[in-house]
């Protein structure tokens, strides 16, 4: 049940309960008051009857039509009242004993109590309906503010550091909104600082690493030379990945599109990976208007990730404007399925820094494509690059 229905149901239940209690208690209090007044009049008449033997204030002595239950109560030595139904009306009796006589006072009860009860119920029903309507309107407004705040929070979670929750009013929701916006400002500033530091370090390392690459090329052939070149190449690749992530974070990347065959791009990506355990399966090729370099970068990273963290065989499947990269490993970790790729966050110790999939996701965003990660029921992992929006029917130009 949504917040709007909960608030509406609470207001309705509270108002209905208040009407019910009022409709019962008010007539009961009025009836009790009538009984007290009757007993008060009877007491005055009793004192006069004891003084001079005269019945006053409409009091009767030993009335023959007195209710039997009231008669028995008075003969037991008690003063009592009794409400007797009288057609659509009711009689209120009050009686007491004086010596061997019974003094009784009877009066028609004012039907106001019944009318009052009906009026309370009618007015209460209208008030309940109006209160429920106003409650639903208020709940709708609150719910709209909460939903909008939730969408903004999801944008912030998704990496939109400029998104903020709308601030309005002075209630608890506004207080929560200000707190969340303050937290988002601090988080955005911290992330910007971290990204700037990472990018600056990568830039500063670029010249020394280039020097190391050049120096490694001058080493004489041998085991030491191979080890140094391999380590330097890894350092260079890592530096280039960090710089690419920094460029994607800055948001200044733009795709340079042209019409190409998606199968050709997939074939190039598979060829760029030096491993015979990758199989290309073109179910249905398609012409797409996209940035071929970025698509190849995404697919190469997906295939490399499958080989590094998954298990062979790795299959690249092209079907229309969709490319799937499947492997038979243990599947993607839960944090990646829930939140997507994150830099420097990987579940495999010693097997990368999580930059490959982060770059793939960033490049897919630049392309306007959709990149998703799933774990099929049969086991393994599946990364899907959806370029359906870029599919074109016309043939590619020579």
Protein backbone atom coordinates (compact mmCIF):
# COMPACT_ATOMS: atom_id res chain seq x y z
CA UNK A 1 0.00 0.00 0.00
CA UNK A 2 1.37 3.40 -1.01
CA UNK A 3 1.86 6.37 1.31
CA UNK A 4 -1.19 8.15 -0.10
CA UNK A 5 -3.51 5.22 0.62
CA UNK A 6 -1.99 4.71 4.07
CA UNK A 7 -2.59 8.33 5.06
CA UNK A 8 -6.09 8.29 3.56
CA UNK A 9 -6.97 5.04 5.35
CA UNK A 10 -5.61 6.37 8.65
CA UNK A 11 -7.62 9.61 8.41
CA UNK A 12 -10.77 7.71 7.42
CA UNK A 13 -10.43 5.20 10.25
CA UNK A 14 -9.70 7.92 12.82
CA UNK A 15 -12.62 10.10 11.71
CA UNK A 16 -15.03 7.15 11.58
CA UNK A 17 -13.98 6.05 15.07
CA UNK A 18 -14.46 9.58 16.40
CA UNK A 19 -17.94 9.77 14.84
CA UNK A 20 -18.89 6.38 16.23
CA UNK A 21 -17.75 7.24 19.74
CA UNK A 22 -19.47 10.62 19.61
CA UNK A 23 -22.74 9.16 18.31
CA UNK A 24 -22.78 6.72 21.22
CA UNK A 25 -21.49 8.89 24.05
CA UNK A 26 -23.41 12.13 23.45
CA UNK A 27 -26.92 10.55 23.49
CA UNK A 28 -25.87 8.44 26.48
CA UNK A 29 -24.77 11.55 28.37
CA UNK A 30 -28.04 13.28 27.48
CA UNK A 31 -30.03 10.30 28.73
CA UNK A 32 -28.08 10.21 31.97
CA UNK A 33 -28.70 13.91 32.44
CA UNK A 34 -32.46 13.38 31.94
CA UNK A 35 -32.39 10.60 34.57
CA UNK A 36 -30.54 12.85 37.02
CA UNK A 37 -33.03 15.68 36.48
CA UNK A 38 -35.96 13.32 36.99
CA UNK A 39 -34.47 12.01 40.25
CA UNK A 40 -33.85 15.59 41.39
CA UNK A 41 -37.49 16.53 40.81
CA UNK A 42 -38.62 13.34 42.49
CA UNK A 43 -36.46 14.17 45.52
CA UNK A 44 -38.06 17.59 45.89
CA UNK A 45 -41.52 16.06 45.54
CA UNK A 46 -40.64 13.38 48.10
CA UNK A 47 -39.69 15.97 50.73
CA UNK A 48 -42.97 17.85 50.16
CA UNK A 49 -44.96 14.61 50.35
CA UNK A 50 -43.36 13.73 53.67
CA UNK A 51 -44.16 17.20 54.99
CA UNK A 52 -47.83 17.53 54.07
CA UNK A 53 -48.83 14.38 52.16
CA UNK A 54 -49.30 16.30 48.90
CA UNK A 55 -47.82 15.06 45.58
CA UNK A 56 -46.34 17.85 43.49
CA UNK A 57 -44.48 18.40 40.17
CA UNK A 58 -46.54 15.79 38.33
CA UNK A 59 -45.63 13.01 40.77
CA UNK A 60 -48.17 10.19 41.08
CA UNK A 61 -48.83 8.05 44.11
CA UNK A 62 -49.01 4.30 43.45
CA UNK A 63 -49.64 4.66 39.69
CA UNK A 64 -51.31 1.50 38.31
CA UNK A 65 -49.43 1.52 34.95
CA UNK A 66 -46.01 1.64 36.53
CA UNK A 67 -43.52 -0.83 34.92
CA UNK A 68 -43.23 -4.01 36.98
CA UNK A 69 -39.45 -4.03 37.00
CA UNK A 70 -39.37 -0.51 38.42
CA UNK A 71 -42.02 -1.46 41.00
CA UNK A 72 -39.95 -4.41 42.25
CA UNK A 73 -36.84 -2.23 42.50
CA UNK A 74 -38.69 0.38 44.57
CA UNK A 75 -40.27 -2.23 46.87
CA UNK A 76 -36.73 -3.47 47.54
CA UNK A 77 -36.05 -0.07 49.08
CA UNK A 78 -34.24 1.57 46.16
CA UNK A 79 -34.90 4.73 44.22
CA UNK A 80 -34.58 4.01 40.52
CA UNK A 81 -35.23 5.19 37.00
CA UNK A 82 -36.57 3.16 34.11
CA UNK A 83 -36.75 3.86 30.39
CA UNK A 84 -39.90 2.38 28.83
CA UNK A 85 -40.52 2.09 25.10
CA UNK A 86 -43.66 3.85 24.03
CA UNK A 87 -44.30 3.42 20.34
CA UNK A 88 -41.77 5.56 18.53
CA UNK A 89 -41.16 7.45 21.75
CA UNK A 90 -39.95 6.44 25.16
CA UNK A 91 -41.09 7.11 28.73
CA UNK A 92 -38.66 7.91 31.46
CA UNK A 93 -39.84 6.82 34.93
CA UNK A 94 -38.34 7.80 38.26
CA UNK A 95 -39.75 6.24 41.46
CA UNK A 96 -39.10 5.94 45.18
CA UNK A 97 -40.98 4.64 48.22
CA UNK A 98 -42.31 6.80 51.08
CA UNK A 99 -43.74 4.80 53.91
CA UNK A 100 -46.01 2.26 52.25
CA UNK A 101 -46.58 4.38 49.14
CA UNK A 102 -44.70 4.63 45.86
CA UNK A 103 -44.06 8.05 44.42
CA UNK A 104 -43.46 7.92 40.68
CA UNK A 105 -42.67 10.53 38.09
CA UNK A 106 -43.05 9.80 34.42
CA UNK A 107 -42.26 11.93 31.43
CA UNK A 108 -41.87 11.44 27.74
CA UNK A 109 -38.19 11.46 26.89
CA UNK A 110 -37.30 14.17 24.42
CA UNK A 111 -36.65 12.45 21.07
CA UNK A 112 -33.82 14.91 20.58
CA UNK A 113 -31.28 12.23 21.51
CA UNK A 114 -32.35 10.06 18.57
CA UNK A 115 -32.33 13.02 16.24
CA UNK A 116 -28.99 14.08 17.64
CA UNK A 117 -27.54 10.61 17.07
CA UNK A 118 -28.76 10.61 13.46
CA UNK A 119 -27.44 14.15 12.95
CA UNK A 120 -24.05 13.18 14.41
CA UNK A 121 -23.82 10.15 12.12
CA UNK A 122 -24.81 12.16 9.06
CA UNK A 123 -22.48 15.05 9.84
CA UNK A 124 -19.73 12.61 10.77
CA UNK A 125 -20.08 10.75 7.47
CA UNK A 126 -19.76 14.01 5.55
CA UNK A 127 -16.82 15.15 7.69
CA UNK A 128 -15.12 11.79 7.25
CA UNK A 129 -15.49 11.97 3.48
CA UNK A 130 -14.19 15.54 3.38
CA UNK A 131 -11.31 14.68 5.74
CA UNK A 132 -10.41 11.65 3.67
CA UNK A 133 -10.40 13.72 0.48
CA UNK A 134 -8.22 16.41 2.06
CA UNK A 135 -5.94 13.73 3.48
CA UNK A 136 -5.57 12.11 0.07
CA UNK A 137 -4.76 15.47 -1.50
CA UNK A 138 -2.15 16.14 1.18
CA UNK A 139 -0.76 12.62 0.85
CA UNK A 140 -0.63 12.99 -2.93
CA UNK A 141 1.39 16.17 -2.58
CA UNK A 142 3.75 14.57 -0.07
CA UNK A 143 4.03 11.45 -2.21
CA UNK A 144 4.85 13.53 -5.29
CA UNK A 145 7.63 15.29 -3.38
CA UNK A 146 9.00 11.99 -2.11
CA UNK A 147 8.89 10.37 -5.56
CA UNK A 148 10.67 13.34 -7.11
CA UNK A 149 13.27 13.22 -4.34
CA UNK A 150 13.72 9.48 -4.93
CA UNK A 151 14.30 10.06 -8.66
CA UNK A 152 16.89 12.73 -7.92
CA UNK A 153 18.59 10.41 -5.42
CA UNK A 154 18.71 7.68 -8.08
CA UNK A 155 20.30 10.17 -10.49
CA UNK A 156 22.97 10.97 -7.91
CA UNK A 157 23.53 7.27 -7.33
CA UNK A 158 23.85 6.79 -11.09
CA UNK A 159 26.70 9.30 -11.21
CA UNK A 160 24.90 12.59 -11.98
CA UNK A 161 26.77 14.73 -9.48
CA UNK A 162 24.83 17.86 -10.45
CA UNK A 163 21.40 16.42 -9.60
CA UNK A 164 19.85 17.75 -6.39
CA UNK A 165 16.62 17.17 -4.55
CA UNK A 166 14.04 20.00 -4.86
CA UNK A 167 13.83 22.09 -1.70
CA UNK A 168 10.48 23.55 -0.67
CA UNK A 169 8.54 24.01 2.56
CA UNK A 170 9.64 23.83 6.18
CA UNK A 171 8.45 20.36 7.15
CA UNK A 172 10.42 17.19 7.91
CA UNK A 173 10.68 16.30 4.21
CA UNK A 174 12.32 19.66 3.53
CA UNK A 175 14.77 19.03 6.40
CA UNK A 176 15.60 15.61 4.96
CA UNK A 177 15.99 17.15 1.51
CA UNK A 178 18.47 19.74 2.75
CA UNK A 179 20.46 17.05 4.55
CA UNK A 180 20.59 14.84 1.45
CA UNK A 181 21.61 17.78 -0.76
CA UNK A 182 24.36 18.71 1.68
CA UNK A 183 25.57 15.12 1.64
CA UNK A 184 25.44 15.08 -2.19
CA UNK A 185 27.47 18.30 -2.35
CA UNK A 186 30.13 16.83 -0.06
CA UNK A 187 30.15 13.56 -1.98
CA UNK A 188 30.40 15.31 -5.35
CA UNK A 189 33.26 17.47 -4.13
CA UNK A 190 35.09 14.43 -2.78
CA UNK A 191 34.62 12.48 -6.01
CA UNK A 192 35.79 15.42 -8.09
CA UNK A 193 38.89 15.76 -5.94
CA UNK A 194 39.63 12.04 -6.19
CA UNK A 195 39.17 12.04 -9.96
CA UNK A 196 41.37 15.10 -10.37
CA UNK A 197 44.09 13.52 -8.25
CA UNK A 198 43.88 10.27 -10.23
CA UNK A 199 43.99 12.08 -13.57
CA UNK A 200 46.86 14.32 -12.45
CA UNK A 201 48.89 11.33 -11.27
CA UNK A 202 48.31 9.58 -14.60
CA UNK A 203 49.38 12.72 -16.50
CA UNK A 204 52.49 13.10 -14.37
CA UNK A 205 53.39 9.47 -14.97
CA UNK A 206 52.98 9.72 -18.71
CA UNK A 207 56.44 11.15 -19.41
CA UNK A 208 58.34 8.80 -17.05
CA UNK A 209 56.48 5.78 -18.42
CA UNK A 210 57.25 6.85 -21.99
CA UNK A 211 60.89 7.06 -20.96
CA UNK A 212 60.72 3.59 -19.44
CA UNK A 213 59.24 2.20 -22.65
CA UNK A 214 62.02 3.76 -24.68
CA UNK A 215 64.67 2.56 -22.24
CA UNK A 216 63.25 -0.97 -22.24
CA UNK A 217 63.58 -1.05 -25.99
CA UNK A 218 67.34 -0.50 -25.66
CA UNK A 219 67.88 -3.48 -23.37
CA UNK A 220 69.66 -6.50 -24.87
CA UNK A 221 67.53 -9.51 -25.63
CA UNK A 222 67.03 -11.89 -22.77
CA UNK A 223 64.80 -12.93 -19.89
CA UNK A 224 65.32 -9.72 -17.95
CA UNK A 225 64.51 -7.63 -21.03
CA UNK A 226 61.25 -9.54 -21.58
CA UNK A 227 60.20 -9.12 -17.94
CA UNK A 228 60.94 -5.40 -17.95
CA UNK A 229 59.06 -4.83 -21.20
CA UNK A 230 56.06 -6.81 -19.96
CA UNK A 231 55.91 -4.81 -16.70
CA UNK A 232 56.38 -1.49 -18.47
CA UNK A 233 53.66 -2.36 -20.99
CA UNK A 234 51.26 -3.16 -18.16
CA UNK A 235 52.09 0.13 -16.46
CA UNK A 236 51.54 2.02 -19.72
CA UNK A 237 48.18 0.31 -20.33
CA UNK A 238 47.05 1.05 -16.79
CA UNK A 239 48.02 4.70 -17.15
CA UNK A 240 46.13 4.97 -20.45
CA UNK A 241 43.06 3.35 -18.87
CA UNK A 242 43.10 5.83 -15.97
CA UNK A 243 43.38 8.73 -18.39
CA UNK A 244 40.50 7.38 -20.46
CA UNK A 245 38.33 7.05 -17.36
CA UNK A 246 39.20 10.64 -16.45
CA UNK A 247 38.19 11.86 -19.92
CA UNK A 248 34.89 9.99 -19.70
CA UNK A 249 34.24 11.43 -16.24
CA UNK A 250 34.73 14.97 -17.54
CA UNK A 251 31.86 14.43 -20.00
CA UNK A 252 33.55 16.06 -22.96
CA UNK A 253 33.67 12.94 -25.15
CA UNK A 254 31.62 12.93 -28.37
CA UNK A 255 30.99 10.06 -30.78
CA UNK A 256 32.08 10.38 -34.42
CA UNK A 257 29.52 8.25 -36.23
CA UNK A 258 29.52 6.56 -39.59
CA UNK A 259 27.66 3.63 -41.14
CA UNK A 260 29.42 0.30 -40.51
CA UNK A 261 28.60 -3.40 -40.23
CA UNK A 262 28.33 -4.49 -36.63
CA UNK A 263 29.67 -7.94 -37.48
CA UNK A 264 32.85 -6.36 -38.85
CA UNK A 265 33.39 -4.43 -35.62
CA UNK A 266 32.84 -7.57 -33.56
CA UNK A 267 35.35 -9.46 -35.74
CA UNK A 268 37.97 -6.75 -35.21
CA UNK A 269 37.39 -6.77 -31.45
CA UNK A 270 37.80 -10.54 -31.28
CA UNK A 271 40.93 -10.34 -33.45
CA UNK A 272 42.45 -7.75 -31.10
CA UNK A 273 42.38 -10.29 -28.27
CA UNK A 274 45.17 -12.82 -28.57
CA UNK A 275 43.27 -15.91 -27.47
CA UNK A 276 41.95 -18.88 -29.43
CA UNK A 277 39.21 -19.55 -26.89
CA UNK A 278 36.94 -16.82 -28.30
CA UNK A 279 34.27 -17.75 -30.84
CA UNK A 280 32.41 -15.26 -33.03
CA UNK A 281 28.85 -16.14 -33.93
CA UNK A 282 27.06 -13.74 -36.32
CA UNK A 283 23.40 -14.75 -36.16
CA UNK A 284 22.18 -11.70 -38.08
CA UNK A 285 24.41 -8.81 -39.12
CA UNK A 286 23.21 -5.21 -39.13
CA UNK A 287 24.29 -1.81 -40.38
CA UNK A 288 24.70 0.67 -37.52
CA UNK A 289 25.48 4.36 -37.53
CA UNK A 290 27.96 4.62 -34.69
CA UNK A 291 31.52 5.36 -33.64
CA UNK A 292 33.38 2.22 -34.72
CA UNK A 293 36.45 2.93 -32.55
CA UNK A 294 34.37 3.20 -29.39
CA UNK A 295 32.31 0.10 -30.21
CA UNK A 296 35.50 -1.91 -30.74
CA UNK A 297 36.84 -0.55 -27.44
CA UNK A 298 33.72 -1.68 -25.60
CA UNK A 299 33.72 -5.14 -27.16
CA UNK A 300 37.45 -5.64 -26.63
CA UNK A 301 37.11 -4.78 -22.95
CA UNK A 302 34.11 -7.11 -22.57
CA UNK A 303 35.95 -10.01 -24.23
CA UNK A 304 39.13 -9.35 -22.20
CA UNK A 305 37.08 -9.26 -18.99
CA UNK A 306 35.38 -12.55 -19.90
CA UNK A 307 38.75 -14.21 -20.53
CA UNK A 308 40.27 -12.80 -17.33
CA UNK A 309 37.45 -13.37 -14.87
CA UNK A 310 35.29 -16.00 -16.60
CA UNK A 311 36.01 -19.32 -18.25
CA UNK A 312 36.25 -20.53 -21.83
CA UNK A 313 34.63 -20.86 -24.22
CA UNK A 314 33.90 -17.15 -24.65
CA UNK A 315 31.26 -16.49 -27.31
CA UNK A 316 30.65 -13.15 -29.05
CA UNK A 317 27.19 -13.26 -30.59
CA UNK A 318 25.90 -10.62 -33.04
CA UNK A 319 22.16 -10.52 -33.60
CA UNK A 320 20.78 -7.44 -35.30
CA UNK A 321 21.88 -4.40 -33.36
CA UNK A 322 22.73 -6.41 -30.24
CA UNK A 323 26.09 -7.95 -29.31
CA UNK A 324 26.32 -10.49 -26.49
CA UNK A 325 29.56 -11.59 -24.83
CA UNK A 326 29.08 -14.85 -22.93
CA UNK A 327 31.44 -16.97 -20.87
CA UNK A 328 31.14 -20.08 -18.69
CA UNK A 329 32.64 -18.66 -15.51
CA UNK A 330 31.07 -18.07 -12.11
CA UNK A 331 29.16 -14.99 -13.28
CA UNK A 332 29.31 -11.32 -12.45
CA UNK A 333 29.49 -10.35 -8.75
CA UNK A 334 26.35 -9.14 -7.03
CA UNK A 335 27.63 -5.58 -6.51
CA UNK A 336 28.19 -5.20 -10.26
CA UNK A 337 24.72 -6.51 -11.12
CA UNK A 338 23.18 -4.13 -8.58
CA UNK A 339 25.21 -0.96 -9.15
CA UNK A 340 27.10 -1.43 -12.41
CA UNK A 341 30.89 -1.26 -12.93
CA UNK A 342 32.93 0.88 -10.54
CA UNK A 343 36.55 1.85 -10.90
CA UNK A 344 39.04 0.20 -8.56
CA UNK A 345 36.34 -2.23 -7.40
CA UNK A 346 36.69 -5.86 -8.41
CA UNK A 347 35.84 -9.11 -6.66
CA UNK A 348 38.86 -10.93 -8.10
CA UNK A 349 42.01 -10.24 -6.09
CA UNK A 350 45.04 -9.63 -8.29
CA UNK A 351 43.02 -9.61 -11.53
CA UNK A 352 42.63 -5.98 -12.46
CA UNK A 353 41.26 -2.76 -11.00
CA UNK A 354 37.78 -2.73 -12.49
CA UNK A 355 38.75 -0.16 -15.12
CA UNK A 356 37.92 -2.29 -18.16
CA UNK A 357 34.19 -2.55 -17.52
CA UNK A 358 34.10 1.03 -16.24
CA UNK A 359 35.54 2.21 -19.56
CA UNK A 360 33.12 -0.04 -21.47
CA UNK A 361 30.15 1.44 -19.59
CA UNK A 362 31.43 5.00 -20.14
CA UNK A 363 32.01 4.49 -23.87
CA UNK A 364 28.57 2.89 -24.24
CA UNK A 365 27.05 5.97 -22.63
CA UNK A 366 28.90 8.22 -25.12
CA UNK A 367 27.53 6.05 -27.96
CA UNK A 368 23.99 6.32 -26.62
CA UNK A 369 23.93 2.53 -26.36
CA UNK A 370 22.74 0.36 -23.51
CA UNK A 371 25.21 -1.95 -21.73
CA UNK A 372 23.76 -4.51 -19.29
CA UNK A 373 25.20 -7.36 -17.26
CA UNK A 374 23.36 -10.55 -16.29
CA UNK A 375 24.05 -14.04 -15.00
CA UNK A 376 22.06 -16.56 -17.11
CA UNK A 377 20.22 -19.34 -15.32
CA UNK A 378 22.42 -21.98 -16.95
CA UNK A 379 25.55 -20.44 -15.42
CA UNK A 380 28.25 -18.09 -16.62
CA UNK A 381 28.04 -14.38 -17.37
CA UNK A 382 26.52 -12.35 -20.19
CA UNK A 383 27.30 -8.75 -21.15
CA UNK A 384 24.91 -7.20 -23.69
CA UNK A 385 25.69 -4.14 -25.82
CA UNK A 386 22.45 -2.91 -27.35
CA UNK A 387 22.92 -0.64 -30.39
CA UNK A 388 19.38 -1.13 -31.73
CA UNK A 389 18.77 2.61 -31.89
CA UNK A 390 21.70 3.01 -34.27
CA UNK A 391 20.55 0.33 -36.74
CA UNK A 392 19.99 1.67 -40.28
CA UNK A 393 18.32 -0.06 -43.21
CA UNK A 394 20.19 1.65 -46.05
CA UNK A 395 23.37 0.01 -47.35
CA UNK A 396 26.76 1.31 -46.29
CA UNK A 397 28.49 3.72 -48.65
CA UNK A 398 31.64 2.51 -50.41
